[in-house]
Amino acid sequence: INDYQLVVLYQPNNRFNKYISAIKINKSNYF
């Protein structure tokens, strides 16, 4: 995730759990 300046989460479900956790830890910007 850290390789990108912006992460677009399109229609997320429970399979996104791992990456949403990483976004919260790294305080990554997302849409």
All heavy atoms as atom14 arrays in JSON, in Angstrom:
{
  "sequence": "INDYQLVVLYQPNNRFNKYISAIKINKSNYF",
  "atom14_mask": [
    [1, 1, 1, 1, 1, 1, 1, 1, 0, 0, 0, 0, 0, 0],
    [1, 1, 1, 1, 1, 1, 1, 1, 0, 0, 0, 0, 0, 0],
    [1, 1, 1, 1, 1, 1, 1, 1, 0, 0, 0, 0, 0, 0],
    [1, 1, 1, 1, 1, 1, 1, 1, 1, 1, 1, 1, 0, 0],
    [1, 1, 1, 1, 1, 1, 1, 1, 1, 0, 0, 0, 0, 0],
    [1, 1, 1, 1, 1, 1, 1, 1, 0, 0, 0, 0, 0, 0],
    [1, 1, 1, 1, 1, 1, 1, 0, 0, 0, 0, 0, 0, 0],
    [1, 1, 1, 1, 1, 1, 1, 0, 0, 0, 0, 0, 0, 0],
    [1, 1, 1, 1, 1, 1, 1, 1, 0, 0, 0, 0, 0, 0],
    [1, 1, 1, 1, 1, 1, 1, 1, 1, 1, 1, 1, 0, 0],
    [1, 1, 1, 1, 1, 1, 1, 1, 1, 0, 0, 0, 0, 0],
    [1, 1, 1, 1, 1, 1, 1, 0, 0, 0, 0, 0, 0, 0],
    [1, 1, 1, 1, 1, 1, 1, 1, 0, 0, 0, 0, 0, 0],
    [1, 1, 1, 1, 1, 1, 1, 1, 0, 0, 0, 0, 0, 0],
    [1, 1, 1, 1, 1, 1, 1, 1, 1, 1, 1, 0, 0, 0],
    [1, 1, 1, 1, 1, 1, 1, 1, 1, 1, 1, 0, 0, 0],
    [1, 1, 1, 1, 1, 1, 1, 1, 0, 0, 0, 0, 0, 0],
    [1, 1, 1, 1, 1, 1, 1, 1, 1, 0, 0, 0, 0, 0],
    [1, 1, 1, 1, 1, 1, 1, 1, 1, 1, 1, 1, 0, 0],
    [1, 1, 1, 1, 1, 1, 1, 1, 0, 0, 0, 0, 0, 0],
    [1, 1, 1, 1, 1, 1, 0, 0, 0, 0, 0, 0, 0, 0],
    [1, 1, 1, 1, 1, 0, 0, 0, 0, 0, 0, 0, 0, 0],
    [1, 1, 1, 1, 1, 1, 1, 1, 0, 0, 0, 0, 0, 0],
    [1, 1, 1, 1, 1, 1, 1, 1, 1, 0, 0, 0, 0, 0],
    [1, 1, 1, 1, 1, 1, 1, 1, 0, 0, 0, 0, 0, 0],
    [1, 1, 1, 1, 1, 1, 1, 1, 0, 0, 0, 0, 0, 0],
    [1, 1, 1, 1, 1, 1, 1, 1, 1, 0, 0, 0, 0, 0],
    [1, 1, 1, 1, 1, 1, 0, 0, 0, 0, 0, 0, 0, 0],
    [1, 1, 1, 1, 1, 1, 1, 1, 0, 0, 0, 0, 0, 0],
    [1, 1, 1, 1, 1, 1, 1, 1, 1, 1, 1, 1, 0, 0],
    [1, 1, 1, 1, 1, 1, 1, 1, 1, 1, 1, 0, 0, 0]
  ],
  "atom14_positions": [
    [[0.82, -1.2, 0.0], [0.0, 0.0, 0.0], [0.86, 1.26, 0.0], [0.54, 2.27, -0.64], [-0.94, 0.0, 1.23], [-1.99, -1.1, 1.11], [-1.61, 1.36, 1.41], [-3.05, -0.86, 0.09], [0.0, 0.0, 0.0], [0.0, 0.0, 0.0], [0.0, 0.0, 0.0], [0.0, 0.0, 0.0], [0.0, 0.0, 0.0], [0.0, 0.0, 0.0]],
    [[1.99, 1.21, 0.69], [2.85, 2.38, 0.84], [3.5, 2.82, -0.46], [4.11, 3.89, -0.52], [3.94, 2.12, 1.88], [3.38, 2.07, 3.29], [2.28, 2.55, 3.54], [4.12, 1.46, 4.21], [0.0, 0.0, 0.0], [0.0, 0.0, 0.0], [0.0, 0.0, 0.0], [0.0, 0.0, 0.0], [0.0, 0.0, 0.0], [0.0, 0.0, 0.0]],
    [[3.4, 2.0, -1.51], [3.98, 2.38, -2.81], [3.12, 3.41, -3.54], [3.53, 3.91, -4.59], [4.14, 1.14, -3.69], [5.17, 0.16, -3.13], [6.02, 0.6, -2.33], [5.12, -1.03, -3.48], [0.0, 0.0, 0.0], [0.0, 0.0, 0.0], [0.0, 0.0, 0.0], [0.0, 0.0, 0.0], [0.0, 0.0, 0.0], [0.0, 0.0, 0.0]],
    [[1.96, 3.72, -2.99], [1.01, 4.58, -3.69], [0.67, 5.79, -2.82], [0.59, 5.7, -1.6], [-0.28, 3.81, -4.02], [-0.03, 2.62, -4.92], [0.24, 1.36, -4.36], [-0.07, 2.74, -6.3], [0.47, 0.27, -5.18], [0.15, 1.64, -7.12], [0.42, 0.41, -6.56], [0.65, -0.67, -7.36], [0.0, 0.0, 0.0], [0.0, 0.0, 0.0]],
    [[0.46, 6.93, -3.51], [0.05, 8.15, -2.8], [-1.45, 8.17, -2.5], [-1.9, 8.88, -1.61], [0.4, 9.4, -3.63], [1.86, 9.79, -3.59], [2.7, 8.87, -4.46], [2.36, 8.61, -5.62], [3.8, 8.37, -3.92], [0.0, 0.0, 0.0], [0.0, 0.0, 0.0], [0.0, 0.0, 0.0], [0.0, 0.0, 0.0], [0.0, 0.0, 0.0]],
    [[-2.21, 7.39, -3.26], [-3.66, 7.35, -3.06], [-4.18, 5.96, -3.37], [-3.78, 5.35, -4.37], [-4.37, 8.38, -3.97], [-5.9, 8.38, -3.93], [-6.42, 8.78, -2.54], [-6.47, 9.31, -5.0], [0.0, 0.0, 0.0], [0.0, 0.0, 0.0], [0.0, 0.0, 0.0], [0.0, 0.0, 0.0], [0.0, 0.0, 0.0], [0.0, 0.0, 0.0]],
    [[-5.07, 5.45, -2.5], [-5.7, 4.15, -2.69], [-7.19, 4.35, -2.89], [-7.85, 5.0, -2.06], [-5.45, 3.21, -1.49], [-6.11, 1.85, -1.74], [-3.96, 3.05, -1.23], [0.0, 0.0, 0.0], [0.0, 0.0, 0.0], [0.0, 0.0, 0.0], [0.0, 0.0, 0.0], [0.0, 0.0, 0.0], [0.0, 0.0, 0.0], [0.0, 0.0, 0.0]],
    [[-7.72, 3.85, -3.99], [-9.16, 3.9, -4.27], [-9.76, 2.55, -3.88], [-9.37, 1.51, -4.43], [-9.45, 4.22, -5.74], [-10.96, 4.26, -5.98], [-8.81, 5.54, -6.14], [0.0, 0.0, 0.0], [0.0, 0.0, 0.0], [0.0, 0.0, 0.0], [0.0, 0.0, 0.0], [0.0, 0.0, 0.0], [0.0, 0.0, 0.0], [0.0, 0.0, 0.0]],
    [[-10.69, 2.55, -2.94], [-11.36, 1.33, -2.5], [-12.73, 1.29, -3.18], [-13.64, 2.03, -2.81], [-11.52, 1.33, -0.98], [-10.23, 1.52, -0.16], [-10.55, 1.62, 1.32], [-9.26, 0.37, -0.42], [0.0, 0.0, 0.0], [0.0, 0.0, 0.0], [0.0, 0.0, 0.0], [0.0, 0.0, 0.0], [0.0, 0.0, 0.0], [0.0, 0.0, 0.0]],
    [[-12.86, 0.41, -4.18], [-14.09, 0.38, -4.96], [-15.0, -0.74, -4.46], [-14.67, -1.92, -4.55], [-13.78, 0.19, -6.45], [-14.99, 0.42, -7.33], [-15.4, 1.7, -7.66], [-15.75, -0.66, -7.78], [-16.52, 1.93, -8.43], [-16.88, -0.45, -8.56], [-17.26, 0.85, -8.88], [-18.39, 1.06, -9.65], [0.0, 0.0, 0.0], [0.0, 0.0, 0.0]],
    [[-16.14, -0.35, -3.92], [-17.16, -1.27, -3.4], [-16.54, -2.31, -2.45], [-16.58, -3.52, -2.72], [-17.9, -1.94, -4.55], [-18.52, -0.94, -5.51], [-19.85, -1.4, -6.07], [-20.63, -2.06, -5.4], [-20.1, -1.04, -7.32], [0.0, 0.0, 0.0], [0.0, 0.0, 0.0], [0.0, 0.0, 0.0], [0.0, 0.0, 0.0], [0.0, 0.0, 0.0]],
    [[-15.97, -1.86, -1.34], [-15.27, -2.78, -0.43], [-16.23, -3.73, 0.3], [-17.39, -3.41, 0.53], [-14.58, -1.84, 0.56], [-15.35, -0.57, 0.49], [-15.88, -0.45, -0.9], [0.0, 0.0, 0.0], [0.0, 0.0, 0.0], [0.0, 0.0, 0.0], [0.0, 0.0, 0.0], [0.0, 0.0, 0.0], [0.0, 0.0, 0.0], [0.0, 0.0, 0.0]],
    [[-15.67, -4.9, 0.64], [-16.38, -5.88, 1.47], [-15.38, -6.46, 2.45], [-14.27, -5.92, 2.61], [-17.05, -6.96, 0.61], [-16.07, -7.6, -0.36], [-14.87, -7.72, -0.06], [-16.55, -8.02, -1.52], [0.0, 0.0, 0.0], [0.0, 0.0, 0.0], [0.0, 0.0, 0.0], [0.0, 0.0, 0.0], [0.0, 0.0, 0.0], [0.0, 0.0, 0.0]],
    [[-15.71, -7.57, 3.11], [-14.83, -8.08, 4.17], [-13.48, -8.56, 3.65], [-12.55, -8.75, 4.42], [-15.53, -9.19, 4.96], [-16.0, -10.33, 4.05], [-15.67, -10.37, 2.86], [-16.78, -11.24, 4.61], [0.0, 0.0, 0.0], [0.0, 0.0, 0.0], [0.0, 0.0, 0.0], [0.0, 0.0, 0.0], [0.0, 0.0, 0.0], [0.0, 0.0, 0.0]],
    [[-13.34, -8.77, 2.33], [-12.03, -9.16, 1.78], [-11.04, -7.99, 1.78], [-9.86, -8.18, 1.53], [-12.21, -9.69, 0.35], [-12.92, -11.06, 0.29], [-13.07, -11.54, -1.13], [-14.04, -10.74, -1.86], [-14.24, -10.82, -3.17], [-13.49, -11.62, -3.9], [-15.16, -10.07, -3.76], [0.0, 0.0, 0.0], [0.0, 0.0, 0.0], [0.0, 0.0, 0.0]],
    [[-11.52, -6.77, 2.06], [-10.66, -5.59, 2.13], [-10.07, -5.38, 3.52], [-9.32, -4.43, 3.73], [-11.46, -4.33, 1.74], [-11.7, -4.16, 0.28], [-12.55, -5.02, -0.41], [-11.1, -3.14, -0.43], [-12.8, -4.85, -1.76], [-11.33, -2.96, -1.78], [-12.19, -3.82, -2.45], [0.0, 0.0, 0.0], [0.0, 0.0, 0.0], [0.0, 0.0, 0.0]],
    [[-10.41, -6.26, 4.46], [-10.07, -6.04, 5.86], [-8.57, -5.8, 6.06], [-8.16, -4.87, 6.77], [-10.54, -7.24, 6.7], [-10.33, -7.0, 8.18], [-10.74, -5.97, 8.71], [-9.67, -7.94, 8.85], [0.0, 0.0, 0.0], [0.0, 0.0, 0.0], [0.0, 0.0, 0.0], [0.0, 0.0, 0.0], [0.0, 0.0, 0.0], [0.0, 0.0, 0.0]],
    [[-7.75, -6.63, 5.44], [-6.29, -6.54, 5.59], [-5.77, -5.18, 5.13], [-4.92, -4.56, 5.79], [-5.65, -7.67, 4.79], [-4.15, -7.58, 4.65], [-3.63, -8.71, 3.76], [-2.14, -8.57, 3.48], [-1.66, -9.62, 2.57], [0.0, 0.0, 0.0], [0.0, 0.0, 0.0], [0.0, 0.0, 0.0], [0.0, 0.0, 0.0], [0.0, 0.0, 0.0]],
    [[-6.28, -4.68, 4.01], [-5.74, -3.45, 3.43], [-6.3, -2.2, 4.12], [-5.6, -1.19, 4.24], [-6.03, -3.44, 1.92], [-5.43, -4.65, 1.24], [-6.24, -5.69, 0.8], [-4.05, -4.76, 1.1], [-5.69, -6.81, 0.2], [-3.5, -5.88, 0.5], [-4.31, -6.91, 0.06], [-3.76, -8.02, -0.51], [0.0, 0.0, 0.0], [0.0, 0.0, 0.0]],
    [[-7.53, -2.28, 4.59], [-8.07, -1.16, 5.36], [-7.31, -1.01, 6.68], [-7.02, 0.11, 7.14], [-9.58, -1.34, 5.6], [-10.33, -1.15, 4.28], [-10.09, -0.36, 6.64], [-11.83, -1.3, 4.38], [0.0, 0.0, 0.0], [0.0, 0.0, 0.0], [0.0, 0.0, 0.0], [0.0, 0.0, 0.0], [0.0, 0.0, 0.0], [0.0, 0.0, 0.0]],
    [[-6.92, -2.13, 7.28], [-6.1, -2.08, 8.5], [-4.76, -1.42, 8.22], [-4.27, -0.6, 9.01], [-5.89, -3.49, 9.05], [-7.13, -4.07, 9.42], [0.0, 0.0, 0.0], [0.0, 0.0, 0.0], [0.0, 0.0, 0.0], [0.0, 0.0, 0.0], [0.0, 0.0, 0.0], [0.0, 0.0, 0.0], [0.0, 0.0, 0.0], [0.0, 0.0, 0.0]],
    [[-4.14, -1.77, 7.08], [-2.86, -1.16, 6.71], [-3.01, 0.34, 6.46], [-2.15, 1.14, 6.82], [-2.31, -1.86, 5.46], [0.0, 0.0, 0.0], [0.0, 0.0, 0.0], [0.0, 0.0, 0.0], [0.0, 0.0, 0.0], [0.0, 0.0, 0.0], [0.0, 0.0, 0.0], [0.0, 0.0, 0.0], [0.0, 0.0, 0.0], [0.0, 0.0, 0.0]],
    [[-4.12, 0.72, 5.84], [-4.38, 2.14, 5.57], [-4.5, 2.92, 6.87], [-3.95, 4.01, 7.03], [-5.65, 2.3, 4.71], [-5.37, 1.87, 3.26], [-6.17, 3.73, 4.75], [-6.6, 1.82, 2.39], [0.0, 0.0, 0.0], [0.0, 0.0, 0.0], [0.0, 0.0, 0.0], [0.0, 0.0, 0.0], [0.0, 0.0, 0.0], [0.0, 0.0, 0.0]],
    [[-5.2, 2.34, 7.86], [-5.37, 3.02, 9.15], [-4.05, 3.13, 9.9], [-3.77, 4.16, 10.53], [-6.42, 2.28, 9.99], [-7.83, 2.42, 9.43], [-8.91, 2.01, 10.43], [-8.91, 0.51, 10.64], [-10.03, 0.07, 11.53], [0.0, 0.0, 0.0], [0.0, 0.0, 0.0], [0.0, 0.0, 0.0], [0.0, 0.0, 0.0], [0.0, 0.0, 0.0]],
    [[-3.25, 2.06, 9.84], [-1.96, 2.09, 10.55], [-1.02, 3.12, 9.93], [-0.35, 3.9, 10.63], [-1.32, 0.69, 10.53], [-2.16, -0.28, 11.39], [0.12, 0.75, 11.03], [-1.72, -1.73, 11.27], [0.0, 0.0, 0.0], [0.0, 0.0, 0.0], [0.0, 0.0, 0.0], [0.0, 0.0, 0.0], [0.0, 0.0, 0.0], [0.0, 0.0, 0.0]],
    [[-0.95, 3.14, 8.59], [-0.02, 4.03, 7.88], [-0.6, 5.43, 7.63], [0.1, 6.29, 7.1], [0.37, 3.42, 6.53], [1.11, 2.1, 6.69], [1.98, 1.97, 7.55], [0.76, 1.12, 5.86], [0.0, 0.0, 0.0], [0.0, 0.0, 0.0], [0.0, 0.0, 0.0], [0.0, 0.0, 0.0], [0.0, 0.0, 0.0], [0.0, 0.0, 0.0]],
    [[-1.88, 5.6, 8.0], [-2.57, 6.87, 7.74], [-2.48, 7.25, 6.26], [-2.22, 8.41, 5.89], [-2.03, 7.99, 8.63], [-2.23, 7.74, 10.12], [-1.89, 8.96, 10.93], [-2.08, 8.71, 12.43], [-3.43, 8.28, 12.77], [0.0, 0.0, 0.0], [0.0, 0.0, 0.0], [0.0, 0.0, 0.0], [0.0, 0.0, 0.0], [0.0, 0.0, 0.0]],
    [[-2.68, 6.25, 5.41], [-2.64, 6.48, 3.97], [-3.91, 7.21, 3.52], [-4.99, 7.03, 4.09], [-2.54, 5.14, 3.22], [-1.38, 4.43, 3.62], [0.0, 0.0, 0.0], [0.0, 0.0, 0.0], [0.0, 0.0, 0.0], [0.0, 0.0, 0.0], [0.0, 0.0, 0.0], [0.0, 0.0, 0.0], [0.0, 0.0, 0.0], [0.0, 0.0, 0.0]],
    [[-3.76, 8.02, 2.49], [-4.91, 8.71, 1.91], [-5.71, 7.72, 1.06], [-5.12, 6.92, 0.31], [-4.46, 9.88, 1.04], [-3.71, 10.93, 1.85], [-3.87, 11.02, 3.06], [-2.88, 11.71, 1.18], [0.0, 0.0, 0.0], [0.0, 0.0, 0.0], [0.0, 0.0, 0.0], [0.0, 0.0, 0.0], [0.0, 0.0, 0.0], [0.0, 0.0, 0.0]],
    [[-7.03, 7.78, 1.13], [-7.83, 6.84, 0.33], [-9.13, 7.48, -0.11], [-9.59, 8.47, 0.46], [-8.09, 5.54, 1.1], [-8.99, 5.67, 2.31], [-10.37, 5.49, 2.23], [-8.45, 5.97, 3.57], [-11.19, 5.6, 3.34], [-9.26, 6.09, 4.69], [-10.63, 5.9, 4.57], [-11.44, 6.02, 5.68], [0.0, 0.0, 0.0], [0.0, 0.0, 0.0]],
    [[-9.71, 6.89, -1.15], [-10.97, 7.33, -1.73], [-11.88, 6.12, -1.81], [-11.6, 5.17, -2.55], [-10.72, 7.92, -3.12], [-11.96, 8.42, -3.82], [-13.05, 8.89, -3.12], [-12.01, 8.42, -5.21], [-14.19, 9.35, -3.78], [-13.14, 8.88, -5.88], [-14.22, 9.35, -5.16], [0.0, 0.0, 0.0], [0.0, 0.0, 0.0], [0.0, 0.0, 0.0]]
  ]
}
